[in-house]
Amino acid sequence: MTDELPADAERALAAHDAVSSPDGDYAVTTTAFDATVTASAGDGATRWTVTVTVPSLAAATSDPVGDAVADGWFETLERRLADAPAATRANLTLADLTVDRRGLDVVVTFTYEWPDADRAAAIAKTLVEYVEGTYVEGIVPGYSYEPPVSDLLSQAETGGDAQRGGTPL
């Protein structure tokens, strides 16, 4: 909530073009998934928490998904997300990274400390977009996907241009 945020974090999040705050929480708007950013006073620097909720493979498809495929998909996603700090182009060390199954959702949480609020907000956006990109890259072929995953796959196939086709990679 905004009343718990350090003033510089609140200012940076409110000013960032990829973040909105319609009901007091800061949501990253550049992803099809639910993604929020919060900040609190840390040890010498502001502590930032980025949370992204994505559908599990079973929730994203209308087809049945076997346990072995679902587990393998989750484990691969978890391993790939460990590389997220490299995408930020900052010397970022995570204080914590959790990737949890919660029912049909997967909740990814990054926690880090960063002294510059403007840069920390940009890092948060990058982490959110890394989750989305990693998620799309990990889609298992052969299933019929539901929105928003089907929409992301369509965008990846066409590159935003309906004249193109092919696979995302």
Foldseek 3Di string as FASTA:
>chain_A
DLVQADPQLSVLLPPDPQWDQPDNWIFGNPDQWTKTKGWHDDDVFIKIKIKTKDFQLCVFFPDDDDPVRSVVLQVQLVVQLVCQVVQLVDPWDWPDWDWDDDPRMTMIMTMGGDHRNNSVSSSSNSSRVSSRVSNLVSRDPDTHGDPPNVVVQVCLQQVVPPVGGDGND
